[in-house]
Amino acid sequence: MLFVLAVSGLMMAQNWSSTVDVLGAHNNQGRGCAGCHAPHSGSFGSGHGGAVDAGSYALWGQDASPLYNKSIAFGDNGSYVEVLPNGIAAGTQEIGGILLCLSCHDGNVTPTNMMTNQAYEQRIGLLTNTAYGSVPIPTLLGNDGTGANNYTNDHPVGQNATLTSHGNPMQGAGVGIVFTNGVFSLSGGTTPYSQFVASYGWPALAPGKWSNPYALTAAGTPYVLCTTCHNQHVMTVYSSSTNSPIAGNTAGFYATYFFVNGPYNPMINTGVGGYTGKQAVSTTQFCRQCHFGEANESNNTFGITTQFQ
């Protein structure tokens, strides 16, 4: 019986299917793709007005111009200051991976558009884990109820949030991941990081379908984008691939929440054959990709598998 339960759990981990449309909250209360991407005239075509470069990147249909050249202090005591670009026409990763996200998720200097400032999973009843409480989980970073323009409680992004800072997997001899020629790669052989990848994966660092999920400074240093941790087009499912295998699976489907760019399931199974404390939950493993100093494998503890759903 135990063997059957184990095999069933593995099959589920490979074949997760969403109960709602995978675009989720970004269906924009019925407007769908056009809620973000205007087929004609950019933010003018959406009735928002804007700057002369409206729509020049990804047919963007929201007015991002209030954010141009803004300085935003993220993270601990605002020590990660990001100075946003002065327009969107250049189409850099910093624009597509930060500025355009904030054009909807800022809530301070930009319009809130159709957002309800409550996590979609919570609002429609998908998030039933009582550990999250009953207070609405906000989606507007600069207007989260603590005070306008407060980003100090938000994970750092931008050119000062480099992936060479404390806790990054590149630190330490023999860790097993290297950064050369603008990309991360596994160094080969059995290493602490390769064993972590075998248990979970590395979707926030591995090459994605379209590009690497991080950006590079002028000096070639990788740094964190909003889209390092989030895939704005798929809210509920992460699909593994040859470039980004999950627990060795190159063609599986895994549960995720909050548009997280990797398996991330806070609704763990605590029943028969479920979480026992001898596994690492996917919500923890996702963070350990970059904060590898806190991973089991970085602390001489091997063979801890991941519970995905």
C-alpha atoms as a PDB file:
ATOM      1  CA  MET A   1       0.000   0.000   0.000  1.00  0.00           C
ATOM      2  CA  LEU A   2       2.808   2.372   0.885  1.00  0.00           C
ATOM      3  CA  PHE A   3       4.429   1.707  -2.502  1.00  0.00           C
ATOM      4  CA  VAL A   4       1.147   2.458  -4.316  1.00  0.00           C
ATOM      5  CA  LEU A   5       0.740   5.712  -2.389  1.00  0.00           C
ATOM      6  CA  ALA A   6       4.307   6.738  -3.222  1.00  0.00           C
ATOM      7  CA  VAL A   7       3.822   6.034  -6.928  1.00  0.00           C
ATOM      8  CA  SER A   8       0.490   7.870  -6.905  1.00  0.00           C
ATOM      9  CA  GLY A   9       2.156  10.894  -5.352  1.00  0.00           C
ATOM     10  CA  LEU A  10       4.839  10.869  -8.053  1.00  0.00           C
ATOM     11  CA  MET A  11       2.233  10.657 -10.805  1.00  0.00           C
ATOM     12  CA  MET A  12       0.308  13.574  -9.322  1.00  0.00           C
ATOM     13  CA  ALA A  13       3.476  15.636  -9.169  1.00  0.00           C
ATOM     14  CA  GLN A  14       3.964  15.080 -12.886  1.00  0.00           C
ATOM     15  CA  ASN A  15       0.411  15.736 -14.020  1.00  0.00           C
ATOM     16  CA  TRP A  16      -1.079  18.643 -12.083  1.00  0.00           C
ATOM     17  CA  SER A  17      -4.125  20.235 -13.712  1.00  0.00           C
ATOM     18  CA  SER A  18      -5.612  23.597 -12.780  1.00  0.00           C
ATOM     19  CA  THR A  19      -9.198  24.015 -11.588  1.00  0.00           C
ATOM     20  CA  VAL A  20      -9.367  27.523 -13.057  1.00  0.00           C
ATOM     21  CA  ASP A  21      -8.113  29.199 -16.229  1.00  0.00           C
ATOM     22  CA  VAL A  22      -4.331  29.272 -15.968  1.00  0.00           C
ATOM     23  CA  LEU A  23      -4.180  33.023 -16.684  1.00  0.00           C
ATOM     24  CA  GLY A  24      -6.050  33.509 -13.420  1.00  0.00           C
ATOM     25  CA  ALA A  25      -6.096  37.065 -12.118  1.00  0.00           C
ATOM     26  CA  HIS A  26      -4.559  38.334 -15.339  1.00  0.00           C
ATOM     27  CA  ASN A  27      -7.777  37.589 -17.172  1.00  0.00           C
ATOM     28  CA  ASN A  28      -8.472  41.093 -15.861  1.00  0.00           C
ATOM     29  CA  GLN A  29     -12.115  40.558 -14.911  1.00  0.00           C
ATOM     30  CA  GLY A  30     -13.028  39.450 -18.409  1.00  0.00           C
ATOM     31  CA  ARG A  31     -10.848  41.677 -20.560  1.00  0.00           C
ATOM     32  CA  GLY A  32      -8.275  38.915 -20.874  1.00  0.00           C
ATOM     33  CA  CYS A  33      -5.033  39.563 -22.725  1.00  0.00           C
ATOM     34  CA  ALA A  34      -6.228  42.990 -23.851  1.00  0.00           C
ATOM     35  CA  GLY A  35      -6.221  44.087 -20.222  1.00  0.00           C
ATOM     36  CA  CYS A  36      -2.432  44.356 -20.509  1.00  0.00           C
ATOM     37  CA  HIS A  37      -1.669  44.211 -24.226  1.00  0.00           C
ATOM     38  CA  ALA A  38      -3.609  46.689 -26.374  1.00  0.00           C
ATOM     39  CA  PRO A  39      -3.857  45.594 -30.027  1.00  0.00           C
ATOM     40  CA  HIS A  40      -3.815  49.233 -31.149  1.00  0.00           C
ATOM     41  CA  SER A  41      -2.422  52.508 -29.782  1.00  0.00           C
ATOM     42  CA  GLY A  42      -1.073  51.219 -26.474  1.00  0.00           C
ATOM     43  CA  SER A  43      -2.447  52.841 -23.335  1.00  0.00           C
ATOM     44  CA  PHE A  44      -4.321  55.369 -25.485  1.00  0.00           C
ATOM     45  CA  GLY A  45      -6.196  52.484 -27.063  1.00  0.00           C
ATOM     46  CA  SER A  46      -7.142  51.319 -23.573  1.00  0.00           C
ATOM     47  CA  GLY A  47      -8.468  54.750 -22.647  1.00  0.00           C
ATOM     48  CA  HIS A  48      -5.670  55.560 -20.191  1.00  0.00           C
ATOM     49  CA  GLY A  49      -3.641  58.086 -22.178  1.00  0.00           C
ATOM     50  CA  GLY A  50       0.087  58.230 -21.475  1.00  0.00           C
ATOM     51  CA  ALA A  51       3.416  59.187 -23.017  1.00  0.00           C
ATOM     52  CA  VAL A  52       4.440  59.199 -26.655  1.00  0.00           C
ATOM     53  CA  ASP A  53       6.038  55.766 -26.288  1.00  0.00           C
ATOM     54  CA  ALA A  54       2.756  54.160 -25.210  1.00  0.00           C
ATOM     55  CA  GLY A  55       2.467  50.596 -26.446  1.00  0.00           C
ATOM     56  CA  SER A  56       5.992  50.505 -27.886  1.00  0.00           C
ATOM     57  CA  TYR A  57       6.939  47.497 -25.780  1.00  0.00           C
ATOM     58  CA  ALA A  58       4.778  44.344 -25.886  1.00  0.00           C
ATOM     59  CA  LEU A  59       1.832  46.487 -27.061  1.00  0.00           C
ATOM     60  CA  TRP A  60       1.578  47.575 -23.415  1.00  0.00           C
ATOM     61  CA  GLY A  61      -1.898  48.919 -22.734  1.00  0.00           C
ATOM     62  CA  GLN A  62      -1.362  50.528 -19.320  1.00  0.00           C
ATOM     63  CA  ASP A  63       0.087  53.985 -18.758  1.00  0.00           C
ATOM     64  CA  ALA A  64       3.533  53.316 -17.294  1.00  0.00           C
ATOM     65  CA  SER A  65       4.789  56.891 -17.662  1.00  0.00           C
ATOM     66  CA  PRO A  66       4.267  57.945 -13.997  1.00  0.00           C
ATOM     67  CA  LEU A  67       7.034  55.471 -13.120  1.00  0.00           C
ATOM     68  CA  TYR A  68       9.640  56.824 -15.536  1.00  0.00           C
ATOM     69  CA  ASN A  69      12.866  57.734 -13.676  1.00  0.00           C
ATOM     70  CA  LYS A  70      11.288  56.930 -10.322  1.00  0.00           C
ATOM     71  CA  SER A  71      13.562  55.717  -7.526  1.00  0.00           C
ATOM     72  CA  ILE A  72      12.064  52.924  -5.452  1.00  0.00           C
ATOM     73  CA  ALA A  73      13.694  51.679  -2.253  1.00  0.00           C
ATOM     74  CA  PHE A  74      13.066  47.946  -1.898  1.00  0.00           C
ATOM     75  CA  GLY A  75      13.940  45.517   0.854  1.00  0.00           C
ATOM     76  CA  ASP A  76      15.477  45.890   4.288  1.00  0.00           C
ATOM     77  CA  ASN A  77      15.330  49.556   5.310  1.00  0.00           C
ATOM     78  CA  GLY A  78      15.058  50.450   1.626  1.00  0.00           C
ATOM     79  CA  SER A  79      18.686  49.535   1.023  1.00  0.00           C
ATOM     80  CA  TYR A  80      18.035  48.201  -2.509  1.00  0.00           C
ATOM     81  CA  VAL A  81      17.251  51.316  -4.527  1.00  0.00           C
ATOM     82  CA  GLU A  82      16.085  50.790  -8.092  1.00  0.00           C
ATOM     83  CA  VAL A  83      16.047  53.761 -10.478  1.00  0.00           C
ATOM     84  CA  LEU A  84      13.548  52.886 -13.176  1.00  0.00           C
ATOM     85  CA  PRO A  85      14.212  53.603 -16.881  1.00  0.00           C
ATOM     86  CA  ASN A  86      13.006  56.844 -18.467  1.00  0.00           C
ATOM     87  CA  GLY A  87      10.727  55.111 -20.976  1.00  0.00           C
ATOM     88  CA  ILE A  88       9.684  51.772 -22.395  1.00  0.00           C
ATOM     89  CA  ALA A  89      10.797  52.082 -26.014  1.00  0.00           C
ATOM     90  CA  ALA A  90      14.200  50.496 -25.343  1.00  0.00           C
ATOM     91  CA  GLY A  91      12.460  47.238 -24.443  1.00  0.00           C
ATOM     92  CA  THR A  92      15.135  46.036 -22.009  1.00  0.00           C
ATOM     93  CA  GLN A  93      14.588  43.294 -19.456  1.00  0.00           C
ATOM     94  CA  GLU A  94      14.473  45.923 -16.713  1.00  0.00           C
ATOM     95  CA  ILE A  95      11.442  47.422 -18.446  1.00  0.00           C
ATOM     96  CA  GLY A  96       9.609  44.195 -19.187  1.00  0.00           C
ATOM     97  CA  GLY A  97      10.617  42.584 -15.910  1.00  0.00           C
ATOM     98  CA  ILE A  98      10.029  45.438 -13.446  1.00  0.00           C
ATOM     99  CA  LEU A  99       8.601  48.695 -14.798  1.00  0.00           C
ATOM    100  CA  LEU A 100       5.649  47.217 -16.671  1.00  0.00           C
ATOM    101  CA  CYS A 101       4.793  45.016 -13.694  1.00  0.00           C
ATOM    102  CA  LEU A 102       4.665  48.072 -11.438  1.00  0.00           C
ATOM    103  CA  SER A 103       2.446  49.931 -13.904  1.00  0.00           C
ATOM    104  CA  CYS A 104      -0.328  47.731 -12.515  1.00  0.00           C
ATOM    105  CA  HIS A 105       1.090  46.595  -9.169  1.00  0.00           C
ATOM    106  CA  ASP A 106       2.420  49.902  -7.827  1.00  0.00           C
ATOM    107  CA  GLY A 107      -0.839  51.425  -6.553  1.00  0.00           C
ATOM    108  CA  ASN A 108       0.954  54.552  -5.443  1.00  0.00           C
ATOM    109  CA  VAL A 109       1.851  56.701  -8.457  1.00  0.00           C
ATOM    110  CA  THR A 110       0.098  54.587 -11.092  1.00  0.00           C
ATOM    111  CA  PRO A 111      -3.633  53.915 -11.444  1.00  0.00           C
ATOM    112  CA  THR A 112      -4.912  50.735  -9.810  1.00  0.00           C
ATOM    113  CA  ASN A 113      -6.870  49.957 -12.976  1.00  0.00           C
ATOM    114  CA  MET A 114      -9.197  46.977 -12.373  1.00  0.00           C
ATOM    115  CA  MET A 115      -7.272  45.506  -9.453  1.00  0.00           C
ATOM    116  CA  THR A 116      -9.113  44.683  -6.234  1.00  0.00           C
ATOM    117  CA  ASN A 117      -5.898  44.678  -4.149  1.00  0.00           C
ATOM    118  CA  GLN A 118      -6.579  41.141  -2.950  1.00  0.00           C
ATOM    119  CA  ALA A 119      -4.819  37.969  -4.059  1.00  0.00           C
ATOM    120  CA  TYR A 120      -6.938  36.227  -6.665  1.00  0.00           C
ATOM    121  CA  GLU A 121      -6.527  32.766  -5.133  1.00  0.00           C
ATOM    122  CA  GLN A 122      -7.796  34.111  -1.832  1.00  0.00           C
ATOM    123  CA  ARG A 123     -10.670  36.079  -3.363  1.00  0.00           C
ATOM    124  CA  ILE A 124     -12.123  33.140  -5.308  1.00  0.00           C
ATOM    125  CA  GLY A 125     -11.602  30.589  -2.542  1.00  0.00           C
ATOM    126  CA  LEU A 126      -8.663  28.613  -3.965  1.00  0.00           C
ATOM    127  CA  LEU A 127      -6.453  29.497  -1.005  1.00  0.00           C
ATOM    128  CA  THR A 128      -8.012  27.441   1.788  1.00  0.00           C
ATOM    129  CA  ASN A 129      -4.898  27.077   3.952  1.00  0.00           C
ATOM    130  CA  THR A 130      -6.044  28.746   7.193  1.00  0.00           C
ATOM    131  CA  ALA A 131      -2.446  29.715   7.991  1.00  0.00           C
ATOM    132  CA  TYR A 132      -2.943  32.654   5.617  1.00  0.00           C
ATOM    133  CA  GLY A 133      -5.648  34.141   7.816  1.00  0.00           C
ATOM    134  CA  SER A 134      -8.678  36.124   6.697  1.00  0.00           C
ATOM    135  CA  VAL A 135      -7.218  39.578   6.066  1.00  0.00           C
ATOM    136  CA  PRO A 136      -7.011  40.325   2.315  1.00  0.00           C
ATOM    137  CA  ILE A 137      -3.541  39.651   0.883  1.00  0.00           C
ATOM    138  CA  PRO A 138      -2.649  42.858  -1.029  1.00  0.00           C
ATOM    139  CA  THR A 139      -1.439  42.972  -4.605  1.00  0.00           C
ATOM    140  CA  LEU A 140      -0.464  46.657  -4.738  1.00  0.00           C
ATOM    141  CA  LEU A 141       3.134  46.925  -3.555  1.00  0.00           C
ATOM    142  CA  GLY A 142       3.175  50.672  -2.958  1.00  0.00           C
ATOM    143  CA  ASN A 143      -0.279  50.735  -1.383  1.00  0.00           C
ATOM    144  CA  ASP A 144      -0.476  47.663   0.824  1.00  0.00           C
ATOM    145  CA  GLY A 145      -2.102  49.240   3.871  1.00  0.00           C
ATOM    146  CA  THR A 146       1.136  50.155   5.658  1.00  0.00           C
ATOM    147  CA  GLY A 147       1.533  53.580   4.063  1.00  0.00           C
ATOM    148  CA  ALA A 148       1.919  55.021   0.589  1.00  0.00           C
ATOM    149  CA  ASN A 149       5.149  54.316  -1.259  1.00  0.00           C
ATOM    150  CA  ASN A 150       6.328  51.666   1.219  1.00  0.00           C
ATOM    151  CA  TYR A 151       8.445  49.120  -0.653  1.00  0.00           C
ATOM    152  CA  THR A 152      10.746  48.237   2.237  1.00  0.00           C
ATOM    153  CA  ASN A 153       8.640  45.120   2.922  1.00  0.00           C
ATOM    154  CA  ASP A 154       8.968  43.892  -0.666  1.00  0.00           C
ATOM    155  CA  HIS A 155      11.644  41.553  -2.008  1.00  0.00           C
ATOM    156  CA  PRO A 156      14.376  43.573  -3.721  1.00  0.00           C
ATOM    157  CA  VAL A 157      14.438  43.730  -7.511  1.00  0.00           C
ATOM    158  CA  GLY A 158      16.615  45.806  -9.826  1.00  0.00           C
ATOM    159  CA  GLN A 159      20.260  46.398 -10.494  1.00  0.00           C
ATOM    160  CA  ASN A 160      21.239  46.514  -6.817  1.00  0.00           C
ATOM    161  CA  ALA A 161      19.503  43.194  -6.112  1.00  0.00           C
ATOM    162  CA  THR A 162      22.288  41.160  -7.626  1.00  0.00           C
ATOM    163  CA  LEU A 163      22.461  37.398  -7.614  1.00  0.00           C
ATOM    164  CA  THR A 164      25.986  37.552  -6.247  1.00  0.00           C
ATOM    165  CA  SER A 165      24.861  38.823  -2.849  1.00  0.00           C
ATOM    166  CA  HIS A 166      24.647  36.862   0.427  1.00  0.00           C
ATOM    167  CA  GLY A 167      23.017  33.454   0.139  1.00  0.00           C
ATOM    168  CA  ASN A 168      23.539  33.101  -3.588  1.00  0.00           C
ATOM    169  CA  PRO A 169      24.363  29.579  -4.800  1.00  0.00           C
ATOM    170  CA  MET A 170      27.496  30.789  -6.580  1.00  0.00           C
ATOM    171  CA  GLN A 171      29.217  31.433  -3.258  1.00  0.00           C
ATOM    172  CA  GLY A 172      31.499  28.798  -1.828  1.00  0.00           C
ATOM    173  CA  ALA A 173      33.898  26.396  -3.504  1.00  0.00           C
ATOM    174  CA  GLY A 174      32.361  23.154  -4.686  1.00  0.00           C
ATOM    175  CA  VAL A 175      28.753  24.303  -4.437  1.00  0.00           C
ATOM    176  CA  GLY A 176      28.075  23.126  -7.974  1.00  0.00           C
ATOM    177  CA  ILE A 177      26.646  26.102  -9.877  1.00  0.00           C
ATOM    178  CA  VAL A 178      28.640  28.635 -11.880  1.00  0.00           C
ATOM    179  CA  PHE A 179      27.914  31.846 -13.745  1.00  0.00           C
ATOM    180  CA  THR A 180      29.876  32.407 -16.943  1.00  0.00           C
ATOM    181  CA  ASN A 181      29.168  34.231 -20.206  1.00  0.00           C
ATOM    182  CA  GLY A 182      25.894  35.600 -18.891  1.00  0.00           C
ATOM    183  CA  VAL A 183      24.283  32.301 -17.914  1.00  0.00           C
ATOM    184  CA  PHE A 184      24.078  29.968 -14.941  1.00  0.00           C
ATOM    185  CA  SER A 185      25.071  26.355 -15.407  1.00  0.00           C
ATOM    186  CA  LEU A 186      25.659  23.321 -13.241  1.00  0.00           C
ATOM    187  CA  SER A 187      29.334  22.550 -12.863  1.00  0.00           C
ATOM    188  CA  GLY A 188      28.932  18.818 -13.459  1.00  0.00           C
ATOM    189  CA  GLY A 189      29.259  15.780 -11.241  1.00  0.00           C
ATOM    190  CA  THR A 190      27.548  15.226  -7.911  1.00  0.00           C
ATOM    191  CA  THR A 191      27.588  18.465  -5.925  1.00  0.00           C
ATOM    192  CA  PRO A 192      25.386  19.959  -3.218  1.00  0.00           C
ATOM    193  CA  TYR A 193      23.567  22.099  -5.777  1.00  0.00           C
ATOM    194  CA  SER A 194      23.098  19.267  -8.276  1.00  0.00           C
ATOM    195  CA  GLN A 195      21.498  17.202  -5.519  1.00  0.00           C
ATOM    196  CA  PHE A 196      19.188  20.102  -4.707  1.00  0.00           C
ATOM    197  CA  VAL A 197      18.222  20.331  -8.392  1.00  0.00           C
ATOM    198  CA  ALA A 198      17.554  16.576  -8.420  1.00  0.00           C
ATOM    199  CA  SER A 199      15.145  17.040  -5.515  1.00  0.00           C
ATOM    200  CA  TYR A 200      13.475  20.258  -6.691  1.00  0.00           C
ATOM    201  CA  GLY A 201      14.921  22.068  -9.708  1.00  0.00           C
ATOM    202  CA  TRP A 202      16.205  25.564 -10.497  1.00  0.00           C
ATOM    203  CA  PRO A 203      13.456  27.350 -12.492  1.00  0.00           C
ATOM    204  CA  ALA A 204      14.427  30.852 -11.271  1.00  0.00           C
ATOM    205  CA  LEU A 205      17.965  30.443 -12.630  1.00  0.00           C
ATOM    206  CA  ALA A 206      17.695  27.933 -15.461  1.00  0.00           C
ATOM    207  CA  PRO A 207      17.022  29.102 -19.028  1.00  0.00           C
ATOM    208  CA  GLY A 208      13.304  29.530 -19.639  1.00  0.00           C
ATOM    209  CA  LYS A 209      11.252  29.073 -22.790  1.00  0.00           C
ATOM    210  CA  TRP A 210      12.019  32.551 -24.084  1.00  0.00           C
ATOM    211  CA  SER A 211      15.007  33.899 -22.144  1.00  0.00           C
ATOM    212  CA  ASN A 212      16.868  33.743 -18.871  1.00  0.00           C
ATOM    213  CA  PRO A 213      14.601  34.826 -16.004  1.00  0.00           C
ATOM    214  CA  TYR A 214      17.124  37.359 -14.641  1.00  0.00           C
ATOM    215  CA  ALA A 215      18.758  40.440 -16.176  1.00  0.00           C
ATOM    216  CA  LEU A 216      22.369  41.595 -16.470  1.00  0.00           C
ATOM    217  CA  THR A 217      23.988  44.872 -15.457  1.00  0.00           C
ATOM    218  CA  ALA A 218      26.344  46.672 -17.830  1.00  0.00           C
ATOM    219  CA  ALA A 219      29.167  44.831 -16.079  1.00  0.00           C
ATOM    220  CA  GLY A 220      27.493  41.486 -16.746  1.00  0.00           C
ATOM    221  CA  THR A 221      26.300  40.846 -13.187  1.00  0.00           C
ATOM    222  CA  PRO A 222      22.937  39.025 -12.921  1.00  0.00           C
ATOM    223  CA  TYR A 223      20.170  40.709 -10.944  1.00  0.00           C
ATOM    224  CA  VAL A 224      16.621  39.938  -9.845  1.00  0.00           C
ATOM    225  CA  LEU A 225      13.535  40.942 -11.824  1.00  0.00           C
ATOM    226  CA  CYS A 226       9.883  40.539 -10.875  1.00  0.00           C
ATOM    227  CA  THR A 227       9.840  37.888 -13.587  1.00  0.00           C
ATOM    228  CA  THR A 228      12.665  35.955 -11.939  1.00  0.00           C
ATOM    229  CA  CYS A 229      10.141  34.731  -9.393  1.00  0.00           C
ATOM    230  CA  HIS A 230       6.886  35.204 -11.321  1.00  0.00           C
ATOM    231  CA  ASN A 231       5.476  34.138 -14.692  1.00  0.00           C
ATOM    232  CA  GLN A 232       2.764  36.669 -15.452  1.00  0.00           C
ATOM    233  CA  HIS A 233       1.081  34.431 -18.017  1.00  0.00           C
ATOM    234  CA  VAL A 234       0.485  31.253 -15.996  1.00  0.00           C
ATOM    235  CA  MET A 235      -0.867  31.554 -12.453  1.00  0.00           C
ATOM    236  CA  THR A 236      -1.591  27.958 -11.449  1.00  0.00           C
ATOM    237  CA  VAL A 237       0.720  25.499 -13.241  1.00  0.00           C
ATOM    238  CA  TYR A 238       4.470  25.212 -13.752  1.00  0.00           C
ATOM    239  CA  SER A 239       5.537  23.142 -16.742  1.00  0.00           C
ATOM    240  CA  SER A 240       8.947  21.495 -16.555  1.00  0.00           C
ATOM    241  CA  SER A 241      11.164  21.322 -19.630  1.00  0.00           C
ATOM    242  CA  THR A 242      14.508  20.035 -20.825  1.00  0.00           C
ATOM    243  CA  ASN A 243      16.098  23.345 -19.868  1.00  0.00           C
ATOM    244  CA  SER A 244      14.317  23.457 -16.527  1.00  0.00           C
ATOM    245  CA  PRO A 245      13.641  19.940 -15.200  1.00  0.00           C
ATOM    246  CA  ILE A 246      11.787  19.507 -11.939  1.00  0.00           C
ATOM    247  CA  ALA A 247      13.097  16.637  -9.805  1.00  0.00           C
ATOM    248  CA  GLY A 248      14.501  15.137 -13.008  1.00  0.00           C
ATOM    249  CA  ASN A 249      11.175  15.389 -14.831  1.00  0.00           C
ATOM    250  CA  THR A 250      11.481  17.230 -18.157  1.00  0.00           C
ATOM    251  CA  ALA A 251       7.817  17.092 -19.184  1.00  0.00           C
ATOM    252  CA  GLY A 252       5.653  17.365 -16.082  1.00  0.00           C
ATOM    253  CA  PHE A 253       3.101  19.787 -14.662  1.00  0.00           C
ATOM    254  CA  TYR A 254       3.269  21.076 -11.072  1.00  0.00           C
ATOM    255  CA  ALA A 255       1.007  23.160  -8.881  1.00  0.00           C
ATOM    256  CA  THR A 256       1.923  26.775  -8.285  1.00  0.00           C
ATOM    257  CA  TYR A 257       0.176  29.796  -6.787  1.00  0.00           C
ATOM    258  CA  PHE A 258       0.571  33.584  -7.084  1.00  0.00           C
ATOM    259  CA  PHE A 259       2.076  33.302 -10.595  1.00  0.00           C
ATOM    260  CA  VAL A 260       5.262  31.888  -9.042  1.00  0.00           C
ATOM    261  CA  ASN A 261       7.786  30.774 -11.667  1.00  0.00           C
ATOM    262  CA  GLY A 262       8.231  27.235 -10.368  1.00  0.00           C
ATOM    263  CA  PRO A 263       6.468  24.613  -8.256  1.00  0.00           C
ATOM    264  CA  TYR A 264       5.070  26.530  -5.280  1.00  0.00           C
ATOM    265  CA  ASN A 265       2.184  24.941  -3.435  1.00  0.00           C
ATOM    266  CA  PRO A 266       1.170  26.208   0.027  1.00  0.00           C
ATOM    267  CA  MET A 267      -1.726  23.723   0.072  1.00  0.00           C
ATOM    268  CA  ILE A 268       0.416  20.741   1.089  1.00  0.00           C
ATOM    269  CA  ASN A 269      -1.098  17.310   1.634  1.00  0.00           C
ATOM    270  CA  THR A 270      -0.985  16.410   5.332  1.00  0.00           C
ATOM    271  CA  GLY A 271      -3.061  13.224   5.016  1.00  0.00           C
ATOM    272  CA  VAL A 272      -1.948   9.636   4.511  1.00  0.00           C
ATOM    273  CA  GLY A 273       1.253   9.631   2.496  1.00  0.00           C
ATOM    274  CA  GLY A 274       1.459  13.415   2.802  1.00  0.00           C
ATOM    275  CA  TYR A 275       3.846  15.856   4.456  1.00  0.00           C
ATOM    276  CA  THR A 276       5.618  14.442   7.501  1.00  0.00           C
ATOM    277  CA  GLY A 277       8.395  16.950   8.140  1.00  0.00           C
ATOM    278  CA  LYS A 278      10.889  14.628   6.483  1.00  0.00           C
ATOM    279  CA  GLN A 279      10.329  16.311   3.144  1.00  0.00           C
ATOM    280  CA  ALA A 280      10.949  19.860   2.025  1.00  0.00           C
ATOM    281  CA  VAL A 281       7.823  21.659   0.833  1.00  0.00           C
ATOM    282  CA  SER A 282       7.940  23.321  -2.579  1.00  0.00           C
ATOM    283  CA  THR A 283       7.330  26.794  -1.111  1.00  0.00           C
ATOM    284  CA  THR A 284      10.589  26.530   0.822  1.00  0.00           C
ATOM    285  CA  GLN A 285      12.530  24.906  -1.993  1.00  0.00           C
ATOM    286  CA  PHE A 286      11.666  27.690  -4.434  1.00  0.00           C
ATOM    287  CA  CYS A 287      13.403  30.259  -2.219  1.00  0.00           C
ATOM    288  CA  ARG A 288      16.416  28.004  -1.678  1.00  0.00           C
ATOM    289  CA  GLN A 289      17.369  28.190  -5.355  1.00  0.00           C
ATOM    290  CA  CYS A 290      19.027  31.529  -4.660  1.00  0.00           C
ATOM    291  CA  HIS A 291      19.191  31.408  -0.864  1.00  0.00           C
ATOM    292  CA  PHE A 292      21.096  28.168  -1.080  1.00  0.00           C
ATOM    293  CA  GLY A 293      22.855  28.676   2.223  1.00  0.00           C
ATOM    294  CA  GLU A 294      19.592  27.645   3.898  1.00  0.00           C
ATOM    295  CA  ALA A 295      19.085  24.509   1.784  1.00  0.00           C
ATOM    296  CA  ASN A 296      19.397  21.001   3.199  1.00  0.00           C
ATOM    297  CA  GLU A 297      22.154  20.171   0.743  1.00  0.00           C
ATOM    298  CA  SER A 298      24.176  23.197   1.848  1.00  0.00           C
ATOM    299  CA  ASN A 299      24.002  21.906   5.407  1.00  0.00           C
ATOM    300  CA  ASN A 300      25.287  18.363   4.856  1.00  0.00           C
ATOM    301  CA  THR A 301      21.753  16.924   4.757  1.00  0.00           C
ATOM    302  CA  PHE A 302      20.996  14.849   1.693  1.00  0.00           C
ATOM    303  CA  GLY A 303      18.141  12.642   0.519  1.00  0.00           C
ATOM    304  CA  ILE A 304      15.384  15.038   1.607  1.00  0.00           C
ATOM    305  CA  THR A 305      12.846  14.934  -1.195  1.00  0.00           C
ATOM    306  CA  THR A 306      10.414  17.683  -2.160  1.00  0.00           C
ATOM    307  CA  GLN A 307       6.674  17.540  -1.628  1.00  0.00           C
ATOM    308  CA  PHE A 308       5.103  19.278  -4.589  1.00  0.00           C
ATOM    309  CA  GLN A 309       1.350  18.783  -4.061  1.00  0.00           C
END
